[in-house]
Amino acid sequence: MGWALLAAFAVWNGWSLWLFRRHRTGLLPGGATTSLIEEGPYRLSRNPLYVGLLALHLGIALLVPSLWAVVTLPVSWLLVWWGAVRPEERFLRERLGEPYVAYTHRVRRWL
């Protein structure tokens, strides 16, 4: 299961990052965000890169194996949600307006 999660992370996040490059839009919050990506993993999740990172966390925890790494997964999720997702959603709502709001109604935050 750990190796499957690592492989899924590599494909999922690689695809997501490739779409940023293809759309020539900023990756980091506050960057040159020029378009809303709604294809590929972004059809299923508004935050596929973070979903991938959490899958990576769990995959490594299962491979090590480390009970503490598994137990701290909810803490990682909370930190990602509070420290990255919430501020990014605010930024994108201000930057992209109604198209982003409509997107949030169509696509789930996580999966």
PDB file of N, CA and C in Angstrom:
ATOM      1  N   MET A   1       0.828  -1.193   0.000  1.00  0.00           N
ATOM      2  CA  MET A   1       0.000   0.000   0.000  1.00  0.00           C
ATOM      3  C   MET A   1       0.878   1.266   0.000  1.00  0.00           C
ATOM      4  N   GLY A   2       1.959   1.236   0.759  1.00  0.00           N
ATOM      5  CA  GLY A   2       2.857   2.389   0.814  1.00  0.00           C
ATOM      6  C   GLY A   2       3.444   2.727  -0.543  1.00  0.00           C
ATOM      7  N   TRP A   3       3.905   1.693  -1.276  1.00  0.00           N
ATOM      8  CA  TRP A   3       4.472   1.930  -2.613  1.00  0.00           C
ATOM      9  C   TRP A   3       3.414   2.437  -3.580  1.00  0.00           C
ATOM     10  N   ALA A   4       2.195   1.928  -3.471  1.00  0.00           N
ATOM     11  CA  ALA A   4       1.099   2.390  -4.340  1.00  0.00           C
ATOM     12  C   ALA A   4       0.807   3.872  -4.089  1.00  0.00           C
ATOM     13  N   LEU A   5       0.833   4.281  -2.825  1.00  0.00           N
ATOM     14  CA  LEU A   5       0.610   5.691  -2.502  1.00  0.00           C
ATOM     15  C   LEU A   5       1.739   6.576  -3.025  1.00  0.00           C
ATOM     16  N   LEU A   6       2.983   6.085  -2.947  1.00  0.00           N
ATOM     17  CA  LEU A   6       4.108   6.861  -3.492  1.00  0.00           C
ATOM     18  C   LEU A   6       3.992   6.999  -5.001  1.00  0.00           C
ATOM     19  N   ALA A   7       3.607   5.934  -5.683  1.00  0.00           N
ATOM     20  CA  ALA A   7       3.431   5.993  -7.135  1.00  0.00           C
ATOM     21  C   ALA A   7       2.280   6.937  -7.494  1.00  0.00           C
ATOM     22  N   ALA A   8       1.187   6.839  -6.753  1.00  0.00           N
ATOM     23  CA  ALA A   8       0.044   7.727  -7.000  1.00  0.00           C
ATOM     24  C   ALA A   8       0.446   9.185  -6.787  1.00  0.00           C
ATOM     25  N   PHE A   9       1.211   9.443  -5.744  1.00  0.00           N
ATOM     26  CA  PHE A   9       1.705  10.799  -5.487  1.00  0.00           C
ATOM     27  C   PHE A   9       2.505  11.316  -6.677  1.00  0.00           C
ATOM     28  N   ALA A  10       3.437  10.512  -7.175  1.00  0.00           N
ATOM     29  CA  ALA A  10       4.312  10.948  -8.265  1.00  0.00           C
ATOM     30  C   ALA A  10       3.508  11.276  -9.522  1.00  0.00           C
ATOM     31  N   VAL A  11       2.586  10.416  -9.879  1.00  0.00           N
ATOM     32  CA  VAL A  11       1.779  10.639 -11.084  1.00  0.00           C
ATOM     33  C   VAL A  11       0.837  11.825 -10.882  1.00  0.00           C
ATOM     34  N   TRP A  12       0.106  11.833  -9.790  1.00  0.00           N
ATOM     35  CA  TRP A  12      -0.906  12.853  -9.489  1.00  0.00           C
ATOM     36  C   TRP A  12      -0.271  14.243  -9.406  1.00  0.00           C
ATOM     37  N   ASN A  13       0.795  14.362  -8.611  1.00  0.00           N
ATOM     38  CA  ASN A  13       1.430  15.672  -8.447  1.00  0.00           C
ATOM     39  C   ASN A  13       2.196  16.084  -9.700  1.00  0.00           C
ATOM     40  N   GLY A  14       2.806  15.117 -10.380  1.00  0.00           N
ATOM     41  CA  GLY A  14       3.476  15.439 -11.632  1.00  0.00           C
ATOM     42  C   GLY A  14       2.507  15.990 -12.662  1.00  0.00           C
ATOM     43  N   TRP A  15       1.355  15.360 -12.791  1.00  0.00           N
ATOM     44  CA  TRP A  15       0.308  15.810 -13.710  1.00  0.00           C
ATOM     45  C   TRP A  15      -0.175  17.204 -13.320  1.00  0.00           C
ATOM     46  N   SER A  16      -0.403  17.413 -12.037  1.00  0.00           N
ATOM     47  CA  SER A  16      -0.877  18.719 -11.545  1.00  0.00           C
ATOM     48  C   SER A  16       0.139  19.821 -11.843  1.00  0.00           C
ATOM     49  N   LEU A  17       1.406  19.550 -11.578  1.00  0.00           N
ATOM     50  CA  LEU A  17       2.450  20.548 -11.840  1.00  0.00           C
ATOM     51  C   LEU A  17       2.610  20.816 -13.334  1.00  0.00           C
ATOM     52  N   TRP A  18       2.481  19.781 -14.141  1.00  0.00           N
ATOM     53  CA  TRP A  18       2.552  19.940 -15.589  1.00  0.00           C
ATOM     54  C   TRP A  18       1.440  20.873 -16.082  1.00  0.00           C
ATOM     55  N   LEU A  19       0.251  20.750 -15.488  1.00  0.00           N
ATOM     56  CA  LEU A  19      -0.866  21.618 -15.882  1.00  0.00           C
ATOM     57  C   LEU A  19      -0.588  23.077 -15.537  1.00  0.00           C
ATOM     58  N   PHE A  20       0.064  23.325 -14.405  1.00  0.00           N
ATOM     59  CA  PHE A  20       0.447  24.705 -14.079  1.00  0.00           C
ATOM     60  C   PHE A  20       1.348  25.264 -15.170  1.00  0.00           C
ATOM     61  N   ARG A  21       2.304  24.457 -15.584  1.00  0.00           N
ATOM     62  CA  ARG A  21       3.238  24.920 -16.621  1.00  0.00           C
ATOM     63  C   ARG A  21       2.513  25.122 -17.951  1.00  0.00           C
ATOM     64  N   ARG A  22       1.662  24.191 -18.305  1.00  0.00           N
ATOM     65  CA  ARG A  22       0.929  24.276 -19.568  1.00  0.00           C
ATOM     66  C   ARG A  22       0.030  25.506 -19.628  1.00  0.00           C
ATOM     67  N   HIS A  23      -0.578  25.845 -18.504  1.00  0.00           N
ATOM     68  CA  HIS A  23      -1.466  27.006 -18.435  1.00  0.00           C
ATOM     69  C   HIS A  23      -0.709  28.306 -18.156  1.00  0.00           C
ATOM     70  N   ARG A  24       0.598  28.186 -17.917  1.00  0.00           N
ATOM     71  CA  ARG A  24       1.451  29.350 -17.639  1.00  0.00           C
ATOM     72  C   ARG A  24       0.855  30.242 -16.548  1.00  0.00           C
ATOM     73  N   THR A  25       0.527  29.592 -15.461  1.00  0.00           N
ATOM     74  CA  THR A  25      -0.027  30.319 -14.319  1.00  0.00           C
ATOM     75  C   THR A  25       0.836  30.056 -13.097  1.00  0.00           C
ATOM     76  N   GLY A  26       0.774  30.964 -12.142  1.00  0.00           N
ATOM     77  CA  GLY A  26       1.617  30.879 -10.961  1.00  0.00           C
ATOM     78  C   GLY A  26       1.311  29.679 -10.093  1.00  0.00           C
ATOM     79  N   LEU A  27       2.338  29.114  -9.538  1.00  0.00           N
ATOM     80  CA  LEU A  27       2.195  27.959  -8.656  1.00  0.00           C
ATOM     81  C   LEU A  27       2.070  28.389  -7.202  1.00  0.00           C
ATOM     82  N   LEU A  28       2.825  29.396  -6.814  1.00  0.00           N
ATOM     83  CA  LEU A  28       2.835  29.817  -5.417  1.00  0.00           C
ATOM     84  C   LEU A  28       1.779  30.884  -5.163  1.00  0.00           C
ATOM     85  N   PRO A  29       1.169  30.870  -3.988  1.00  0.00           N
ATOM     86  CA  PRO A  29       0.181  31.893  -3.642  1.00  0.00           C
ATOM     87  C   PRO A  29       0.783  33.287  -3.775  1.00  0.00           C
ATOM     88  N   GLY A  30       0.015  34.180  -4.332  1.00  0.00           N
ATOM     89  CA  GLY A  30       0.484  35.546  -4.528  1.00  0.00           C
ATOM     90  C   GLY A  30       1.265  35.714  -5.814  1.00  0.00           C
ATOM     91  N   GLY A  31       1.525  34.598  -6.498  1.00  0.00           N
ATOM     92  CA  GLY A  31       2.266  34.650  -7.755  1.00  0.00           C
ATOM     93  C   GLY A  31       1.387  35.127  -8.894  1.00  0.00           C
ATOM     94  N   ALA A  32       1.905  35.008 -10.091  1.00  0.00           N
ATOM     95  CA  ALA A  32       1.197  35.469 -11.286  1.00  0.00           C
ATOM     96  C   ALA A  32       0.096  34.482 -11.663  1.00  0.00           C
ATOM     97  N   THR A  33      -0.977  34.478 -10.891  1.00  0.00           N
ATOM     98  CA  THR A  33      -2.109  33.598 -11.171  1.00  0.00           C
ATOM     99  C   THR A  33      -2.907  34.203 -12.309  1.00  0.00           C
ATOM    100  N   THR A  34      -2.886  33.536 -13.452  1.00  0.00           N
ATOM    101  CA  THR A  34      -3.523  34.094 -14.639  1.00  0.00           C
ATOM    102  C   THR A  34      -4.721  33.297 -15.119  1.00  0.00           C
ATOM    103  N   SER A  35      -4.845  32.047 -14.661  1.00  0.00           N
ATOM    104  CA  SER A  35      -5.975  31.243 -15.122  1.00  0.00           C
ATOM    105  C   SER A  35      -6.373  30.228 -14.061  1.00  0.00           C
ATOM    106  N   LEU A  36      -7.591  29.736 -14.241  1.00  0.00           N
ATOM    107  CA  LEU A  36      -8.138  28.716 -13.357  1.00  0.00           C
ATOM    108  C   LEU A  36      -8.023  27.376 -14.079  1.00  0.00           C
ATOM    109  N   ILE A  37      -7.333  26.440 -13.481  1.00  0.00           N
ATOM    110  CA  ILE A  37      -7.163  25.116 -14.084  1.00  0.00           C
ATOM    111  C   ILE A  37      -8.328  24.238 -13.639  1.00  0.00           C
ATOM    112  N   GLU A  38      -9.053  23.687 -14.603  1.00  0.00           N
ATOM    113  CA  GLU A  38     -10.227  22.871 -14.286  1.00  0.00           C
ATOM    114  C   GLU A  38     -10.176  21.494 -14.941  1.00  0.00           C
ATOM    115  N   GLU A  39      -9.007  21.082 -15.381  1.00  0.00           N
ATOM    116  CA  GLU A  39      -8.880  19.788 -16.037  1.00  0.00           C
ATOM    117  C   GLU A  39      -7.969  18.880 -15.226  1.00  0.00           C
ATOM    118  N   GLY A  40      -7.861  17.639 -15.667  1.00  0.00           N
ATOM    119  CA  GLY A  40      -6.992  16.682 -14.987  1.00  0.00           C
ATOM    120  C   GLY A  40      -7.402  16.507 -13.530  1.00  0.00           C
ATOM    121  N   PRO A  41      -6.436  16.456 -12.629  1.00  0.00           N
ATOM    122  CA  PRO A  41      -6.764  16.276 -11.217  1.00  0.00           C
ATOM    123  C   PRO A  41      -7.643  17.398 -10.655  1.00  0.00           C
ATOM    124  N   TYR A  42      -7.603  18.559 -11.297  1.00  0.00           N
ATOM    125  CA  TYR A  42      -8.396  19.702 -10.817  1.00  0.00           C
ATOM    126  C   TYR A  42      -9.883  19.543 -11.113  1.00  0.00           C
ATOM    127  N   ARG A  43     -10.260  18.518 -11.855  1.00  0.00           N
ATOM    128  CA  ARG A  43     -11.682  18.191 -12.030  1.00  0.00           C
ATOM    129  C   ARG A  43     -12.212  17.477 -10.795  1.00  0.00           C
ATOM    130  N   LEU A  44     -11.304  16.830 -10.060  1.00  0.00           N
ATOM    131  CA  LEU A  44     -11.699  16.020  -8.906  1.00  0.00           C
ATOM    132  C   LEU A  44     -11.426  16.698  -7.579  1.00  0.00           C
ATOM    133  N   SER A  45     -10.447  17.587  -7.541  1.00  0.00           N
ATOM    134  CA  SER A  45     -10.035  18.232  -6.293  1.00  0.00           C
ATOM    135  C   SER A  45      -9.551  19.642  -6.591  1.00  0.00           C
ATOM    136  N   ARG A  46      -9.936  20.583  -5.748  1.00  0.00           N
ATOM    137  CA  ARG A  46      -9.417  21.945  -5.897  1.00  0.00           C
ATOM    138  C   ARG A  46      -7.972  22.036  -5.407  1.00  0.00           C
ATOM    139  N   ASN A  47      -7.520  21.036  -4.678  1.00  0.00           N
ATOM    140  CA  ASN A  47      -6.182  21.043  -4.083  1.00  0.00           C
ATOM    141  C   ASN A  47      -5.447  19.730  -4.328  1.00  0.00           C
ATOM    142  N   PRO A  48      -5.276  19.331  -5.580  1.00  0.00           N
ATOM    143  CA  PRO A  48      -4.661  18.025  -5.813  1.00  0.00           C
ATOM    144  C   PRO A  48      -3.213  17.930  -5.328  1.00  0.00           C
ATOM    145  N   LEU A  49      -2.477  19.031  -5.339  1.00  0.00           N
ATOM    146  CA  LEU A  49      -1.092  18.962  -4.851  1.00  0.00           C
ATOM    147  C   LEU A  49      -1.053  18.641  -3.364  1.00  0.00           C
ATOM    148  N   TYR A  50      -1.972  19.200  -2.605  1.00  0.00           N
ATOM    149  CA  TYR A  50      -2.012  18.914  -1.170  1.00  0.00           C
ATOM    150  C   TYR A  50      -2.526  17.505  -0.902  1.00  0.00           C
ATOM    151  N   VAL A  51      -3.495  17.056  -1.697  1.00  0.00           N
ATOM    152  CA  VAL A  51      -3.959  15.672  -1.570  1.00  0.00           C
ATOM    153  C   VAL A  51      -2.784  14.727  -1.814  1.00  0.00           C
ATOM    154  N   GLY A  52      -1.988  15.041  -2.838  1.00  0.00           N
ATOM    155  CA  GLY A  52      -0.813  14.231  -3.138  1.00  0.00           C
ATOM    156  C   GLY A  52       0.199  14.226  -2.007  1.00  0.00           C
ATOM    157  N   LEU A  53       0.434  15.384  -1.418  1.00  0.00           N
ATOM    158  CA  LEU A  53       1.393  15.448  -0.308  1.00  0.00           C
ATOM    159  C   LEU A  53       0.919  14.636   0.894  1.00  0.00           C
ATOM    160  N   LEU A  54      -0.380  14.648   1.154  1.00  0.00           N
ATOM    161  CA  LEU A  54      -0.906  13.850   2.257  1.00  0.00           C
ATOM    162  C   LEU A  54      -0.804  12.355   1.934  1.00  0.00           C
ATOM    163  N   ALA A  55      -1.007  11.988   0.659  1.00  0.00           N
ATOM    164  CA  ALA A  55      -0.813  10.592   0.248  1.00  0.00           C
ATOM    165  C   ALA A  55       0.654  10.193   0.410  1.00  0.00           C
ATOM    166  N   LEU A  56       1.559  11.113   0.082  1.00  0.00           N
ATOM    167  CA  LEU A  56       2.994  10.862   0.274  1.00  0.00           C
ATOM    168  C   LEU A  56       3.301  10.630   1.748  1.00  0.00           C
ATOM    169  N   HIS A  57       2.761  11.473   2.610  1.00  0.00           N
ATOM    170  CA  HIS A  57       2.959  11.336   4.060  1.00  0.00           C
ATOM    171  C   HIS A  57       2.518   9.941   4.512  1.00  0.00           C
ATOM    172  N   LEU A  58       1.315   9.544   4.113  1.00  0.00           N
ATOM    173  CA  LEU A  58       0.803   8.240   4.527  1.00  0.00           C
ATOM    174  C   LEU A  58       1.619   7.101   3.919  1.00  0.00           C
ATOM    175  N   GLY A  59       1.997   7.236   2.654  1.00  0.00           N
ATOM    176  CA  GLY A  59       2.798   6.198   2.009  1.00  0.00           C
ATOM    177  C   GLY A  59       4.121   5.973   2.714  1.00  0.00           C
ATOM    178  N   ILE A  60       4.798   7.059   3.048  1.00  0.00           N
ATOM    179  CA  ILE A  60       6.077   6.938   3.773  1.00  0.00           C
ATOM    180  C   ILE A  60       5.847   6.342   5.158  1.00  0.00           C
ATOM    181  N   ALA A  61       4.784   6.788   5.820  1.00  0.00           N
ATOM    182  CA  ALA A  61       4.480   6.257   7.154  1.00  0.00           C
ATOM    183  C   ALA A  61       4.258   4.747   7.113  1.00  0.00           C
ATOM    184  N   LEU A  62       3.626   4.264   6.051  1.00  0.00           N
ATOM    185  CA  LEU A  62       3.379   2.828   5.940  1.00  0.00           C
ATOM    186  C   LEU A  62       4.643   2.052   5.572  1.00  0.00           C
ATOM    187  N   LEU A  63       5.532   2.679   4.828  1.00  0.00           N
ATOM    188  CA  LEU A  63       6.759   2.001   4.413  1.00  0.00           C
ATOM    189  C   LEU A  63       7.814   1.955   5.510  1.00  0.00           C
ATOM    190  N   VAL A  64       7.819   2.937   6.393  1.00  0.00           N
ATOM    191  CA  VAL A  64       8.900   3.037   7.373  1.00  0.00           C
ATOM    192  C   VAL A  64       8.946   1.820   8.296  1.00  0.00           C
ATOM    193  N   PRO A  65       8.001   1.237   8.867  1.00  0.00           N
ATOM    194  CA  PRO A  65       6.692   1.715   9.272  1.00  0.00           C
ATOM    195  C   PRO A  65       6.795   2.510  10.579  1.00  0.00           C
ATOM    196  N   SER A  66       5.957   3.537  10.669  1.00  0.00           N
ATOM    197  CA  SER A  66       6.004   4.400  11.841  1.00  0.00           C
ATOM    198  C   SER A  66       4.597   4.716  12.307  1.00  0.00           C
ATOM    199  N   LEU A  67       4.270   4.247  13.483  1.00  0.00           N
ATOM    200  CA  LEU A  67       2.960   4.546  14.052  1.00  0.00           C
ATOM    201  C   LEU A  67       2.808   6.054  14.247  1.00  0.00           C
ATOM    202  N   TRP A  68       3.878   6.719  14.674  1.00  0.00           N
ATOM    203  CA  TRP A  68       3.801   8.169  14.900  1.00  0.00           C
ATOM    204  C   TRP A  68       3.523   8.922  13.604  1.00  0.00           C
ATOM    205  N   ALA A  69       4.106   8.474  12.517  1.00  0.00           N
ATOM    206  CA  ALA A  69       3.854   9.132  11.235  1.00  0.00           C
ATOM    207  C   ALA A  69       2.397   8.964  10.811  1.00  0.00           C
ATOM    208  N   VAL A  70       1.826   7.814  11.085  1.00  0.00           N
ATOM    209  CA  VAL A  70       0.410   7.599  10.773  1.00  0.00           C
ATOM    210  C   VAL A  70      -0.457   8.458  11.691  1.00  0.00           C
ATOM    211  N   VAL A  71      -0.125   8.472  12.979  1.00  0.00           N
ATOM    212  CA  VAL A  71      -0.909   9.234  13.953  1.00  0.00           C
ATOM    213  C   VAL A  71      -0.853  10.731  13.666  1.00  0.00           C
ATOM    214  N   THR A  72       0.270  11.220  13.146  1.00  0.00           N
ATOM    215  CA  THR A  72       0.392  12.659  12.885  1.00  0.00           C
ATOM    216  C   THR A  72      -0.219  13.089  11.546  1.00  0.00           C
ATOM    217  N   LEU A  73      -0.733  12.153  10.762  1.00  0.00           N
ATOM    218  CA  LEU A  73      -1.370  12.510   9.491  1.00  0.00           C
ATOM    219  C   LEU A  73      -2.498  13.533   9.669  1.00  0.00           C
ATOM    220  N   PRO A  74      -3.389  13.369  10.650  1.00  0.00           N
ATOM    221  CA  PRO A  74      -4.419  14.396  10.838  1.00  0.00           C
ATOM    222  C   PRO A  74      -3.833  15.778  11.180  1.00  0.00           C
ATOM    223  N   VAL A  75      -2.716  15.796  11.881  1.00  0.00           N
ATOM    224  CA  VAL A  75      -2.055  17.071  12.189  1.00  0.00           C
ATOM    225  C   VAL A  75      -1.528  17.698  10.896  1.00  0.00           C
ATOM    226  N   SER A  76      -0.941  16.873  10.036  1.00  0.00           N
ATOM    227  CA  SER A  76      -0.470  17.380   8.742  1.00  0.00           C
ATOM    228  C   SER A  76      -1.625  17.935   7.931  1.00  0.00           C
ATOM    229  N   TRP A  77      -2.726  17.200   7.903  1.00  0.00           N
ATOM    230  CA  TRP A  77      -3.913  17.660   7.172  1.00  0.00           C
ATOM    231  C   TRP A  77      -4.375  19.016   7.718  1.00  0.00           C
ATOM    232  N   LEU A  78      -4.459  19.139   9.037  1.00  0.00           N
ATOM    233  CA  LEU A  78      -4.905  20.386   9.650  1.00  0.00           C
ATOM    234  C   LEU A  78      -3.965  21.545   9.306  1.00  0.00           C
ATOM    235  N   LEU A  79      -2.676  21.304   9.352  1.00  0.00           N
ATOM    236  CA  LEU A  79      -1.707  22.357   9.018  1.00  0.00           C
ATOM    237  C   LEU A  79      -1.811  22.777   7.557  1.00  0.00           C
ATOM    238  N   VAL A  80      -1.997  21.825   6.660  1.00  0.00           N
ATOM    239  CA  VAL A  80      -2.167  22.147   5.237  1.00  0.00           C
ATOM    240  C   VAL A  80      -3.448  22.948   5.036  1.00  0.00           C
ATOM    241  N   TRP A  81      -4.532  22.501   5.652  1.00  0.00           N
ATOM    242  CA  TRP A  81      -5.819  23.194   5.502  1.00  0.00           C
ATOM    243  C   TRP A  81      -5.730  24.618   6.053  1.00  0.00           C
ATOM    244  N   TRP A  82      -5.213  24.760   7.262  1.00  0.00           N
ATOM    245  CA  TRP A  82      -5.185  26.068   7.918  1.00  0.00           C
ATOM    246  C   TRP A  82      -4.118  26.985   7.328  1.00  0.00           C
ATOM    247  N   GLY A  83      -2.936  26.438   7.068  1.00  0.00           N
ATOM    248  CA  GLY A  83      -1.818  27.276   6.656  1.00  0.00           C
ATOM    249  C   GLY A  83      -1.702  27.524   5.168  1.00  0.00           C
ATOM    250  N   ALA A  84      -2.326  26.685   4.351  1.00  0.00           N
ATOM    251  CA  ALA A  84      -2.180  26.841   2.903  1.00  0.00           C
ATOM    252  C   ALA A  84      -3.523  26.956   2.187  1.00  0.00           C
ATOM    253  N   VAL A  85      -4.412  25.996   2.405  1.00  0.00           N
ATOM    254  CA  VAL A  85      -5.661  25.953   1.645  1.00  0.00           C
ATOM    255  C   VAL A  85      -6.534  27.180   1.916  1.00  0.00           C
ATOM    256  N   ARG A  86      -6.767  27.493   3.163  1.00  0.00           N
ATOM    257  CA  ARG A  86      -7.631  28.643   3.480  1.00  0.00           C
ATOM    258  C   ARG A  86      -7.087  29.951   2.897  1.00  0.00           C
ATOM    259  N   PRO A  87      -5.800  30.279   3.105  1.00  0.00           N
ATOM    260  CA  PRO A  87      -5.292  31.519   2.503  1.00  0.00           C
ATOM    261  C   PRO A  87      -5.324  31.497   0.974  1.00  0.00           C
ATOM    262  N   GLU A  88      -5.047  30.359   0.365  1.00  0.00           N
ATOM    263  CA  GLU A  88      -5.086  30.282  -1.093  1.00  0.00           C
ATOM    264  C   GLU A  88      -6.502  30.470  -1.614  1.00  0.00           C
ATOM    265  N   GLU A  89      -7.469  29.881  -0.946  1.00  0.00           N
ATOM    266  CA  GLU A  89      -8.856  30.059  -1.387  1.00  0.00           C
ATOM    267  C   GLU A  89      -9.277  31.520  -1.306  1.00  0.00           C
ATOM    268  N   ARG A  90      -8.871  32.197  -0.259  1.00  0.00           N
ATOM    269  CA  ARG A  90      -9.168  33.632  -0.135  1.00  0.00           C
ATOM    270  C   ARG A  90      -8.531  34.408  -1.292  1.00  0.00           C
ATOM    271  N   PHE A  91      -7.247  34.121  -1.543  1.00  0.00           N
ATOM    272  CA  PHE A  91      -6.524  34.793  -2.613  1.00  0.00           C
ATOM    273  C   PHE A  91      -7.186  34.547  -3.965  1.00  0.00           C
ATOM    274  N   LEU A  92      -7.521  33.292  -4.263  1.00  0.00           N
ATOM    275  CA  LEU A  92      -8.107  32.966  -5.558  1.00  0.00           C
ATOM    276  C   LEU A  92      -9.499  33.573  -5.717  1.00  0.00           C
ATOM    277  N   ARG A  93     -10.256  33.621  -4.652  1.00  0.00           N
ATOM    278  CA  ARG A  93     -11.577  34.258  -4.701  1.00  0.00           C
ATOM    279  C   ARG A  93     -11.428  35.736  -5.046  1.00  0.00           C
ATOM    280  N   GLU A  94     -10.461  36.398  -4.434  1.00  0.00           N
ATOM    281  CA  GLU A  94     -10.230  37.821  -4.728  1.00  0.00           C
ATOM    282  C   GLU A  94      -9.663  38.022  -6.126  1.00  0.00           C
ATOM    283  N   ARG A  95      -8.754  37.151  -6.522  1.00  0.00           N
ATOM    284  CA  ARG A  95      -8.050  37.311  -7.799  1.00  0.00           C
ATOM    285  C   ARG A  95      -8.908  36.940  -9.006  1.00  0.00           C
ATOM    286  N   LEU A  96      -9.638  35.815  -8.900  1.00  0.00           N
ATOM    287  CA  LEU A  96     -10.377  35.294 -10.055  1.00  0.00           C
ATOM    288  C   LEU A  96     -11.879  35.540 -10.002  1.00  0.00           C
ATOM    289  N   GLY A  97     -12.389  35.901  -8.838  1.00  0.00           N
ATOM    290  CA  GLY A  97     -13.796  36.279  -8.711  1.00  0.00           C
ATOM    291  C   GLY A  97     -14.791  35.149  -8.945  1.00  0.00           C
ATOM    292  N   GLU A  98     -15.863  35.472  -9.640  1.00  0.00           N
ATOM    293  CA  GLU A  98     -16.987  34.561  -9.828  1.00  0.00           C
ATOM    294  C   GLU A  98     -16.615  33.232 -10.483  1.00  0.00           C
ATOM    295  N   PRO A  99     -15.729  33.202 -11.478  1.00  0.00           N
ATOM    296  CA  PRO A  99     -15.365  31.886 -12.029  1.00  0.00           C
ATOM    297  C   PRO A  99     -14.803  30.935 -10.962  1.00  0.00           C
ATOM    298  N   TYR A 100     -14.024  31.467 -10.029  1.00  0.00           N
ATOM    299  CA  TYR A 100     -13.480  30.611  -8.970  1.00  0.00           C
ATOM    300  C   TYR A 100     -14.597  30.189  -8.014  1.00  0.00           C
ATOM    301  N   VAL A 101     -15.480  31.097  -7.668  1.00  0.00           N
ATOM    302  CA  VAL A 101     -16.591  30.755  -6.774  1.00  0.00           C
ATOM    303  C   VAL A 101     -17.447  29.655  -7.403  1.00  0.00           C
ATOM    304  N   ALA A 102     -17.730  29.763  -8.697  1.00  0.00           N
ATOM    305  CA  ALA A 102     -18.500  28.727  -9.387  1.00  0.00           C
ATOM    306  C   ALA A 102     -17.743  27.393  -9.362  1.00  0.00           C
ATOM    307  N   TYR A 103     -16.442  27.458  -9.549  1.00  0.00           N
ATOM    308  CA  TYR A 103     -15.604  26.251  -9.509  1.00  0.00           C
ATOM    309  C   TYR A 103     -15.693  25.582  -8.139  1.00  0.00           C
ATOM    310  N   THR A 104     -15.704  26.380  -7.069  1.00  0.00           N
ATOM    311  CA  THR A 104     -15.788  25.806  -5.716  1.00  0.00           C
ATOM    312  C   THR A 104     -17.115  25.089  -5.485  1.00  0.00           C
ATOM    313  N   HIS A 105     -18.141  25.474  -6.227  1.00  0.00           N
ATOM    314  CA  HIS A 105     -19.434  24.796  -6.097  1.00  0.00           C
ATOM    315  C   HIS A 105     -19.479  23.491  -6.893  1.00  0.00           C
ATOM    316  N   ARG A 106     -18.621  23.381  -7.912  1.00  0.00           N
ATOM    317  CA  ARG A 106     -18.597  22.184  -8.760  1.00  0.00           C
ATOM    318  C   ARG A 106     -17.605  21.126  -8.281  1.00  0.00           C
ATOM    319  N   VAL A 107     -16.503  21.563  -7.686  1.00  0.00           N
ATOM    320  CA  VAL A 107     -15.397  20.642  -7.369  1.00  0.00           C
ATOM    321  C   VAL A 107     -15.127  20.661  -5.869  1.00  0.00           C
ATOM    322  N   ARG A 108     -14.974  19.495  -5.300  1.00  0.00           N
ATOM    323  CA  ARG A 108     -14.708  19.380  -3.859  1.00  0.00           C
ATOM    324  C   ARG A 108     -13.326  19.910  -3.514  1.00  0.00           C
ATOM    325  N   ARG A 109     -13.167  20.331  -2.282  1.00  0.00           N
ATOM    326  CA  ARG A 109     -11.878  20.847  -1.809  1.00  0.00           C
ATOM    327  C   ARG A 109     -10.824  19.751  -1.830  1.00  0.00           C
ATOM    328  N   TRP A 110     -11.147  18.574  -1.354  1.00  0.00           N
ATOM    329  CA  TRP A 110     -10.171  17.491  -1.260  1.00  0.00           C
ATOM    330  C   TRP A 110     -10.430  16.457  -2.343  1.00  0.00           C
ATOM    331  N   LEU A 111     -11.301  15.540  -2.137  1.00  0.00           N
ATOM    332  CA  LEU A 111     -11.663  14.527  -3.156  1.00  0.00           C
ATOM    333  C   LEU A 111     -13.132  14.213  -3.075  1.00  0.00           C
TER     334      LEU A 111
END
